Every structure is written in structure tokens, then in C-alpha cells.
Protein backbone atom coordinates (compact mmCIF):
# COMPACT_ATOMS: atom_id res chain seq x y z
CA MET A 1 26.75 -18.07 -151.93
CA CYS A 2 23.53 -20.10 -151.88
CA ARG A 3 19.89 -19.17 -152.34
CA VAL A 4 16.81 -19.42 -150.04
CA VAL A 5 13.63 -20.24 -151.95
CA ASP A 6 10.24 -19.59 -150.38
CA LEU A 7 8.59 -22.85 -151.20
CA ARG A 8 5.08 -21.62 -150.53
CA GLN A 9 5.58 -18.70 -152.88
CA ALA A 10 6.98 -21.00 -155.52
CA VAL A 11 4.06 -23.39 -155.29
CA LEU A 12 1.52 -20.55 -155.53
CA ALA A 13 3.42 -18.97 -158.42
CA LYS A 14 3.38 -22.26 -160.28
CA ASN A 15 -0.38 -22.53 -159.61
CA ASP A 16 -0.93 -19.03 -160.93
CA MET A 17 0.73 -19.73 -164.23
CA ALA A 18 -1.27 -22.87 -164.62
CA ALA A 19 -4.49 -20.95 -163.81
CA GLN A 20 -3.69 -18.38 -166.46
CA VAL A 21 -3.16 -21.08 -169.12
CA LEU A 22 -6.38 -22.95 -168.11
CA ARG A 23 -8.47 -19.78 -168.05
CA ALA A 24 -7.26 -18.85 -171.55
CA GLU A 25 -7.97 -22.37 -172.92
CA LEU A 26 -11.42 -22.47 -171.44
CA THR A 27 -12.28 -18.91 -172.34
CA ALA A 28 -11.31 -19.65 -176.00
CA ARG A 29 -13.79 -22.50 -176.13
CA GLY A 30 -16.51 -20.42 -174.52
CA THR A 31 -16.53 -21.98 -171.06
CA THR A 32 -16.82 -19.85 -167.89
CA VAL A 33 -15.59 -21.39 -164.66
CA VAL A 34 -17.21 -20.53 -161.38
CA ASN A 35 -15.23 -21.40 -158.25
CA LEU A 36 -17.49 -22.09 -155.16
CA LEU A 37 -15.87 -21.83 -151.75
CA SER A 38 -17.43 -22.48 -148.40
CA SER A 39 -17.13 -24.18 -145.06
CA PRO A 40 -18.39 -27.77 -144.70
CA GLY A 41 -22.14 -27.90 -144.33
CA SER A 42 -22.86 -24.57 -145.78
CA GLY A 43 -25.44 -25.97 -148.18
CA LYS A 44 -23.63 -25.20 -151.43
CA THR A 45 -24.31 -28.69 -152.87
CA ALA A 46 -28.09 -28.15 -152.38
CA LEU A 47 -27.92 -24.73 -153.84
CA LEU A 48 -25.84 -25.86 -156.80
CA GLU A 49 -28.24 -28.79 -157.57
CA ARG A 50 -31.10 -26.18 -157.83
CA GLU A 51 -28.94 -23.88 -160.12
CA LEU A 52 -28.04 -26.83 -162.30
CA LEU A 53 -31.66 -27.85 -162.73
CA LEU A 54 -32.51 -24.24 -163.63
CA ALA A 55 -29.63 -24.00 -166.10
CA ARG A 56 -30.87 -27.09 -167.90
CA GLU A 57 -34.44 -25.79 -167.99
CA ARG A 58 -33.17 -22.59 -169.64
CA GLY A 59 -31.13 -24.61 -172.12
CA VAL A 60 -27.69 -23.57 -170.76
CA ALA A 61 -24.97 -26.16 -171.31
CA VAL A 62 -23.69 -26.56 -167.81
CA ALA A 63 -21.41 -29.03 -165.92
CA ALA A 64 -20.15 -29.42 -162.38
CA LEU A 65 -16.97 -30.83 -160.82
CA THR A 66 -17.12 -31.42 -157.07
CA ALA A 67 -14.21 -32.10 -154.79
CA ASP A 68 -14.36 -33.86 -151.45
CA LEU A 69 -11.86 -35.70 -149.17
CA ALA A 70 -13.83 -38.89 -149.45
CA THR A 71 -17.24 -40.34 -150.79
CA GLU A 72 -19.05 -39.51 -154.01
CA ASN A 73 -22.20 -38.36 -152.23
CA ASP A 74 -22.10 -34.81 -153.65
CA ALA A 75 -21.65 -35.98 -157.22
CA GLN A 76 -24.59 -38.41 -156.91
CA ARG A 77 -26.82 -35.60 -155.65
CA LEU A 78 -25.67 -33.16 -158.34
CA ALA A 79 -26.16 -35.80 -161.06
CA ARG A 80 -29.86 -35.76 -160.34
CA SER A 81 -29.99 -32.50 -162.24
CA GLY A 82 -29.09 -34.31 -165.44
CA ALA A 83 -25.98 -32.22 -166.00
CA PRO A 84 -22.52 -33.82 -166.55
CA VAL A 85 -20.91 -34.22 -163.11
CA LYS A 86 -17.50 -35.40 -162.00
CA GLN A 87 -16.34 -36.24 -158.49
CA VAL A 88 -12.73 -35.63 -157.55
CA LEU A 89 -11.58 -37.40 -154.38
CA THR A 90 -8.61 -35.64 -152.80
CA ASP A 91 -7.90 -38.15 -150.08
CA GLY A 92 -7.14 -35.56 -147.51
CA LEU A 93 -5.96 -32.64 -149.68
CA CYS A 94 -7.68 -29.47 -148.42
CA HIS A 95 -8.01 -27.70 -151.78
CA LEU A 96 -7.91 -28.02 -155.57
CA GLU A 97 -5.22 -26.54 -157.64
CA ALA A 98 -5.36 -25.28 -161.27
CA GLY A 99 -3.07 -28.06 -162.72
CA MET A 100 -5.11 -30.76 -160.96
CA LEU A 101 -8.32 -29.21 -162.19
CA GLY A 102 -7.05 -29.09 -165.77
CA ARG A 103 -6.07 -32.75 -165.78
CA HIS A 104 -9.49 -33.75 -164.51
CA LEU A 105 -11.26 -31.77 -167.13
CA ASP A 106 -9.13 -33.15 -169.97
CA GLY A 107 -11.21 -35.64 -171.93
CA TRP A 108 -14.25 -35.28 -169.70
CA LEU A 109 -15.67 -31.74 -170.08
CA PRO A 110 -18.19 -31.53 -173.02
CA GLU A 111 -16.93 -29.20 -175.74
CA ASP A 112 -20.09 -27.09 -175.67
CA THR A 113 -20.02 -26.46 -171.94
CA ARG A 114 -20.92 -22.83 -171.31
CA LEU A 115 -20.71 -22.87 -167.55
CA LEU A 116 -18.53 -25.06 -165.27
CA PHE A 117 -19.30 -24.90 -161.58
CA VAL A 118 -16.44 -26.10 -159.41
CA GLU A 119 -17.50 -27.06 -155.90
CA ASN A 120 -14.15 -26.76 -153.99
CA VAL A 121 -13.26 -28.67 -150.97
CA GLY A 122 -15.26 -27.55 -147.85
CA ASN A 123 -12.64 -25.25 -146.32
CA LEU A 124 -12.31 -21.42 -146.17
CA VAL A 125 -8.50 -21.42 -145.68
CA CYS A 126 -6.47 -23.35 -148.24
CA PRO A 127 -8.82 -22.87 -151.20
CA ALA A 128 -8.73 -19.13 -150.83
CA SER A 129 -5.06 -19.11 -151.92
CA TYR A 130 -5.47 -21.00 -155.19
CA ASP A 131 -6.72 -19.50 -158.44
CA LEU A 132 -8.38 -22.26 -160.48
CA GLY A 133 -8.74 -20.25 -163.67
CA GLU A 134 -12.14 -19.08 -162.68
CA SER A 135 -13.98 -16.10 -164.13
CA LEU A 136 -16.14 -15.81 -161.00
CA ARG A 137 -15.15 -16.58 -157.45
CA VAL A 138 -18.13 -17.06 -155.05
CA VAL A 139 -17.87 -17.54 -151.28
CA LEU A 140 -20.95 -19.00 -149.51
CA ALA A 141 -21.88 -18.86 -145.85
CA SER A 142 -24.92 -20.23 -144.20
CA VAL A 143 -26.99 -18.25 -141.60
CA THR A 144 -25.95 -20.80 -138.95
CA GLU A 145 -22.18 -20.02 -139.25
CA GLY A 146 -22.29 -16.63 -137.48
CA GLU A 147 -22.18 -13.00 -138.63
CA ASP A 148 -18.40 -12.69 -138.00
CA LYS A 149 -17.42 -15.27 -140.56
CA PRO A 150 -16.00 -12.70 -142.98
CA LEU A 151 -13.77 -11.31 -140.26
CA LYS A 152 -12.51 -14.74 -139.30
CA TYR A 153 -11.64 -15.56 -142.91
CA PRO A 154 -10.67 -12.26 -144.45
CA THR A 155 -8.76 -13.71 -147.48
CA ALA A 156 -11.63 -15.96 -148.58
CA PHE A 157 -14.25 -13.20 -148.29
CA GLY A 158 -11.90 -10.45 -149.22
CA LEU A 159 -11.15 -11.99 -152.63
CA ALA A 160 -14.75 -13.00 -153.37
CA GLN A 161 -16.48 -11.56 -156.43
CA LEU A 162 -19.87 -12.56 -155.10
CA VAL A 163 -20.99 -13.55 -151.55
CA VAL A 164 -23.94 -15.90 -151.18
CA VAL A 165 -25.81 -16.35 -147.89
CA THR A 166 -27.55 -19.81 -147.73
CA LYS A 167 -30.35 -21.41 -145.63
CA THR A 168 -32.23 -18.12 -145.16
CA ASP A 169 -35.35 -20.07 -144.46
CA ILE A 170 -34.06 -20.63 -140.88
CA ALA A 171 -32.47 -17.25 -140.41
CA ARG A 172 -34.98 -16.16 -137.80
CA ALA A 173 -34.74 -19.47 -135.88
CA VAL A 174 -30.93 -18.97 -135.43
CA ASP A 175 -31.14 -15.18 -134.82
CA PHE A 176 -29.09 -14.34 -137.95
CA ASP A 177 -28.22 -10.72 -138.01
CA GLU A 178 -28.14 -9.87 -141.68
CA ALA A 179 -27.14 -6.25 -141.20
CA ALA A 180 -24.10 -7.24 -139.17
CA PHE A 181 -22.99 -9.92 -141.70
CA ARG A 182 -23.28 -7.32 -144.54
CA ALA A 183 -21.27 -4.87 -142.52
CA HIS A 184 -18.57 -7.35 -141.91
CA VAL A 185 -18.35 -8.36 -145.60
CA GLU A 186 -18.21 -4.67 -146.55
CA GLN A 187 -15.31 -4.27 -144.08
CA VAL A 188 -13.11 -6.92 -145.78
CA ASN A 189 -14.47 -6.52 -149.41
CA PRO A 190 -16.06 -3.09 -150.10
CA GLY A 191 -18.64 -3.16 -152.75
CA VAL A 192 -19.01 -6.86 -153.24
CA GLU A 193 -22.61 -8.07 -153.91
CA VAL A 194 -24.24 -10.24 -151.19
CA VAL A 195 -27.26 -12.25 -152.19
CA LEU A 196 -29.58 -14.27 -149.98
CA THR A 197 -30.69 -17.79 -150.95
CA SER A 198 -32.59 -20.85 -149.65
CA ALA A 199 -32.46 -24.05 -151.65
CA ARG A 200 -35.40 -25.36 -149.59
CA ALA A 201 -37.70 -22.36 -149.85
CA GLY A 202 -36.54 -21.27 -153.29
CA GLU A 203 -35.38 -17.80 -152.31
CA GLY A 204 -32.75 -16.40 -154.59
CA ILE A 205 -32.60 -19.41 -156.84
CA GLY A 206 -31.26 -18.31 -160.25
CA LEU A 207 -29.18 -15.43 -158.93
CA LEU A 208 -25.99 -17.46 -159.01
CA LEU A 209 -26.69 -18.69 -162.54
CA ASP A 210 -27.48 -15.19 -163.66
CA ARG A 211 -24.16 -13.79 -162.21
CA ALA A 212 -22.17 -16.60 -163.74
CA LEU A 213 -23.73 -16.02 -167.20
CA ALA A 214 -23.07 -12.33 -166.90
CA ALA A 215 -19.34 -12.97 -165.92
CA GLY A 216 -19.07 -15.19 -169.03
CA GLU A 217 -20.47 -12.47 -171.26
CA GLY A 218 -17.88 -10.03 -170.01
CA ALA A 219 -20.23 -7.92 -167.83
CA GLY A 220 -17.34 -7.18 -165.47
CA ALA A 221 -17.21 -9.06 -162.18
CA HIS A 222 -16.52 -7.20 -158.98
CA THR A 223 -12.81 -6.43 -158.50
CA PRO A 224 -11.96 -6.77 -154.73
CA VAL A 225 -9.83 -4.15 -153.21
CA MET A 226 -7.65 -6.84 -151.61
CA ALA A 227 -6.74 -8.18 -155.04
CA GLY A 228 -4.91 -4.96 -155.80
CA LEU A 229 -3.08 -4.95 -152.45
CA GLN A 230 -1.58 -8.38 -152.70
CA GLN A 231 2.19 -8.90 -153.19
CA PRO A 232 2.96 -10.62 -156.50
CA HIS A 233 4.36 -14.07 -156.27
CA ASP A 234 8.00 -14.80 -157.00
CA HIS A 235 8.01 -16.51 -160.37
CA GLY A 236 11.41 -18.03 -160.09
CA HIS A 237 13.55 -15.21 -158.74
CA SER A 238 15.21 -16.20 -155.53
CA GLN A 239 16.96 -13.91 -153.07
CA ASP A 240 20.54 -14.58 -152.10
CA HIS A 241 20.82 -14.75 -148.26
CA GLY A 242 24.08 -16.61 -148.04
CA HIS A 243 22.72 -19.87 -146.83
CA SER A 244 20.88 -22.77 -148.35
CA HIS A 245 17.91 -25.02 -147.76
CA ASP A 246 18.05 -27.71 -150.45
CA HIS A 247 14.53 -29.11 -151.13
CA GLY A 248 15.13 -30.04 -154.74
CA HIS A 249 14.43 -33.76 -154.31
CA SER A 250 12.31 -35.62 -156.81
CA HIS A 251 9.76 -38.37 -156.34
CA ASP A 252 9.17 -41.29 -158.62
CA HIS A 253 5.50 -42.17 -158.73
CA GLY A 254 5.89 -44.76 -161.43
CA ASP A 255 4.12 -42.60 -164.03
CA GLY A 256 7.18 -41.10 -165.71
CA HIS A 257 6.70 -37.75 -164.06
CA ASP A 258 9.57 -36.08 -162.21
CA HIS A 259 8.34 -34.19 -159.19
CA GLY A 260 11.57 -32.49 -158.28
CA ASP A 261 9.88 -29.17 -158.00
CA GLY A 262 11.14 -28.28 -154.51
CA HIS A 263 7.86 -28.88 -152.61
CA ASP A 264 8.22 -29.27 -148.91
CA HIS A 265 6.83 -32.71 -147.93
CA GLY A 266 7.02 -32.20 -144.20
CA ASP A 267 3.77 -30.44 -143.78
CA GLY A 268 1.32 -33.23 -143.89
CA HIS A 269 0.34 -33.21 -147.53
CA VAL A 270 -1.18 -36.09 -149.35
CA HIS A 271 -1.63 -37.24 -152.97
CA ALA A 272 -4.87 -36.68 -154.77
CA HIS A 273 -6.73 -39.50 -156.56
CA GLY A 274 -7.09 -39.71 -160.32
CA ASP A 275 -3.65 -39.21 -161.76
CA GLY A 276 -1.26 -40.32 -159.02
CA HIS A 277 0.91 -37.20 -159.03
CA ASP A 278 -0.99 -34.25 -157.60
CA HIS A 279 0.60 -32.74 -154.44
CA GLY A 280 -1.30 -31.00 -151.75
CA HIS A 281 -0.13 -29.05 -148.74
CA GLY A 282 -2.11 -29.85 -145.61
CA HIS A 283 -1.24 -26.63 -143.87
CA ASP A 284 -3.98 -24.59 -142.27
CA HIS A 285 -2.85 -21.09 -142.86
CA ASP A 286 -4.56 -18.07 -144.20
CA HIS A 287 -2.52 -16.53 -146.98
CA PRO A 288 -3.36 -12.85 -147.18
CA HIS A 289 -0.57 -12.18 -149.62
CA VAL A 290 -2.15 -14.27 -152.38
CA ARG A 291 -3.52 -12.57 -155.49
CA SER A 292 -6.12 -14.36 -157.60
CA ALA A 293 -5.40 -14.06 -161.34
CA ALA A 294 -9.07 -14.13 -162.03
CA GLN A 295 -9.47 -10.90 -160.06
CA THR A 296 -6.52 -8.96 -161.38
CA ARG A 297 -6.43 -9.91 -165.03
């Protein structure tokens, strides 16, 4: 009798365990991680730059790590705030993972960092499935993206602990229906706070910083209903179905790391820059069964 292993579940379970370890380590040193998710062009870099500037004005030790498929444009913009900033180039990988984040923080993140903002890859599908060890998960959407965005991406919005609307200075020009947007957010994530911001006009600047500081002080972030409905990941327990799919091959990347972890490499994944052994999965699937450790701990 042979076993069938759900590779996607195995990958997510491995990530969950890494996220738990990373969260414990950073919490012990007094660092709160804020995971920012959005579509490309939502304006999260512009908003984050304003929040970093404000944090430094208030004397809050803050840092930012930003992930993109290519270019270091966002890191250069964020560095203007004077805060420590690191760019991660994923070379096609559609999301960050907890283990990858931990390796990039090792030896770089200042010891006294109180807040770490992680600007995830611009994508509302893949990043929604991966806990990064954050204490606050924030989903941003601009007024130009449409009021039905929460319904189109229920996992991303359904697991958010804070929803931020950006570019409100042009809301009237694009006929943004705030009431409809709020209703759709409430439909997938009852009770989550929605805040309005404009990096250009200054509306709502400081709200993200305030919510992040509150989360770090144990104020109790919103617990999404969806988080309690998710099926737990299989942490190594396979079911016996009488047939086998052997994916247990390993890959030698010349760095002494054995990558025989059963990942399926036929789905268009790529390797991330920086350490030569991060594996991504370039699938474009919503994962409504995923539970974020940050929201269920």
C-alpha cells in the first residue's frame, strides 16, 4: 500500500510552522510584523512611504522589506524616509514565504526594530495563502479597482485584519461607491475595520501606523470569521489511498541544501534571489482552505 501526499497542503503546512517560529522570535525581541497585500498599482508604496516618515518623526524604530518580481524602484522610494529598507527580488515568484522572509531578515533587521512593514508582491491570490509570521495582516485596495474587489478575492479580504482604501482623493472622479465597497467587505469579513487614505492629500495618514503599534502592544487585532472556518493543514499525516505519486526528488543547488521536500516543480515556479534555494509556486489559485497562524493564534 502506498500513500498520496497533497503537495500543496504539505508546502503550506511547512510554511505555517516556519511562520510560527519566526513570529515567536520577532515577538521575543519586540518586533511587530505587518504584512501588506494588494494588487499591483494600489498605491501601497506611496502610502507606506508616508507612514515610515511619520514613524520616524514620532521616534518609532521602523523598517521595511519590499518584494517585487524585478527592479528596486520601491526600495529606493521607501529609503527616502530614512528608515532601513531592503528589497527582495523574487524573479517571478508571486509571493513571499515565511522561511524566505526569515532568511532575508537574518543579519539585516536592526535589533531595536519595533515595527517591520513587509510589502508583499503585488498579487491578491498567492500571498493570501502564506502566513509570514505577521501580527497584523492588511489588505489595500484603491478606489480605481472597483467595489466588487472583496468578492473577487474572498480569501485575501476574508483573512484581513484591516482593510485600507487608497487614492481617495480621486474617488469622485472614478465614481467610487464607498457604501457598496464596505458592504462587500462586510460580506466576506464581518466586523473588519475599513479605513480611507490618500497619500497625496494626506487623508488617513497615521492610521496604519497606529493600528500596527496597537497590534504590537497586544490590543487585540480583528479575528476574521474565515480564520475559524479553515481546514487545518496536514502536518505530515498522509492518507493511504492504495496508489502512489512519488515526488520525493531532491535538487542540488550547489549550496549544500537538500531540497528533497516533495515540491511539485511542474507548475511554473521559479527560484528567488538572495539565497539560491527558495522555491515558489507560480500557480494562480485562490486557497480558501488556508488558515493564517497570525489570525488563529
